[in-house]
Amino acid sequence: MEEDPDAYRILKLRAEILELGSAIRQLRREALDDAAAQLLIARKRARLEHLVKACSSDAP
């Protein structure tokens, strides 16, 4: 059985976004700057949205 590389990328991005969300919450609890993490999560969310749209437009 061959795995879909796009499905893998989507799952990986979702996992990374969850990790970043956790890191942002921890930074906020410790009253530290979370701007870099916020930017990174926004970029990953945009990439995820683009990938999901591309996959759904490729579907028959």
Protein backbone atom coordinates (compact mmCIF):
# COMPACT_ATOMS: atom_id res chain seq x y z
CA MET A 1 0.00 0.00 0.00
CA GLU A 2 1.42 3.35 -1.08
CA GLU A 3 1.01 6.31 1.26
CA ASP A 4 -0.19 9.70 0.04
CA PRO A 5 2.65 12.22 0.52
CA ASP A 6 0.20 15.13 0.72
CA ALA A 7 -1.78 13.43 3.47
CA TYR A 8 1.47 12.89 5.36
CA ARG A 9 2.42 16.57 4.96
CA ILE A 10 -1.01 17.63 6.22
CA LEU A 11 -0.71 15.42 9.30
CA LYS A 12 2.83 16.64 9.94
CA LEU A 13 1.81 20.30 9.68
CA ARG A 14 -1.12 19.76 12.04
CA ALA A 15 1.20 18.15 14.58
CA GLU A 16 3.69 21.02 14.26
CA ILE A 17 0.90 23.56 14.75
CA LEU A 18 -0.25 21.77 17.90
CA GLU A 19 3.32 21.81 19.24
CA LEU A 20 3.69 25.50 18.49
CA GLY A 21 0.39 26.26 20.19
CA SER A 22 1.65 24.50 23.28
CA ALA A 23 4.94 26.41 23.14
CA ILE A 24 3.08 29.72 22.79
CA ARG A 25 0.91 28.95 25.82
CA GLN A 26 4.02 28.10 27.84
CA LEU A 27 5.77 31.31 26.77
CA ARG A 28 2.73 33.35 27.77
CA ARG A 29 2.53 31.63 31.16
CA GLU A 30 6.14 32.59 31.76
CA ALA A 31 5.50 36.14 30.49
CA LEU A 32 8.01 35.75 27.65
CA ASP A 33 7.88 37.12 24.11
CA ASP A 34 6.01 34.78 21.79
CA ALA A 35 6.14 36.88 18.60
CA ALA A 36 8.48 34.53 16.72
CA ALA A 37 6.35 31.51 17.61
CA GLN A 38 3.19 33.41 16.59
CA LEU A 39 4.73 34.21 13.19
CA LEU A 40 5.85 30.63 12.67
CA ILE A 41 2.43 29.22 13.56
CA ALA A 42 0.73 31.69 11.19
CA ARG A 43 3.02 30.59 8.36
CA LYS A 44 2.39 26.90 9.07
CA ARG A 45 -1.37 27.47 9.20
CA ALA A 46 -1.21 29.23 5.83
CA ARG A 47 0.85 26.39 4.37
CA LEU A 48 -1.62 23.86 5.77
CA GLU A 49 -4.59 25.74 4.32
CA HIS A 50 -2.88 25.93 0.92
CA LEU A 51 -2.04 22.22 0.96
CA VAL A 52 -5.56 21.20 1.99
CA LYS A 53 -7.06 23.35 -0.79
CA ALA A 54 -4.63 21.92 -3.34
CA CYS A 55 -5.48 18.37 -2.30
CA SER A 56 -9.21 18.99 -2.42
CA SER A 57 -8.97 20.52 -5.91
CA ASP A 58 -6.97 17.48 -7.09
CA ALA A 59 -9.59 15.04 -5.80
CA PRO A 60 -11.87 13.54 -8.49
